[in-house]
Amino acid sequence: MRHRNTVKTLGRKKAPREAMLRNLATSIILHEVVKTTETKAKVIRPIVERIITTGRENTIHARRELMKSLMTEGAVNKVL
């Protein structure tokens, strides 16, 4: 059952929301500071923390997993 499990839609449908979050995560990794709304920051925080934790492994598998969630090779290299 999915009682009380809510997804912050941020006023977008699924695909545009996921694309926006991927772009925001990539920008945070590359620039380290991003100006955004408080709601978007609350949504993106666990995603970026998971990306950083995955990057600590520094394996081929970790690199491929990061390429799924980040937009550029430069961002992946910065995490690893």
Foldseek 3Di string as FASTA:
>chain_A
DCPPPDDDCVPHDDPVVLVVLQAVLLCCLVVVDDDDDPVSCVVNVVVNVVLLVLLVVPDPVSLVVNVVRHPDPVSSVSSD
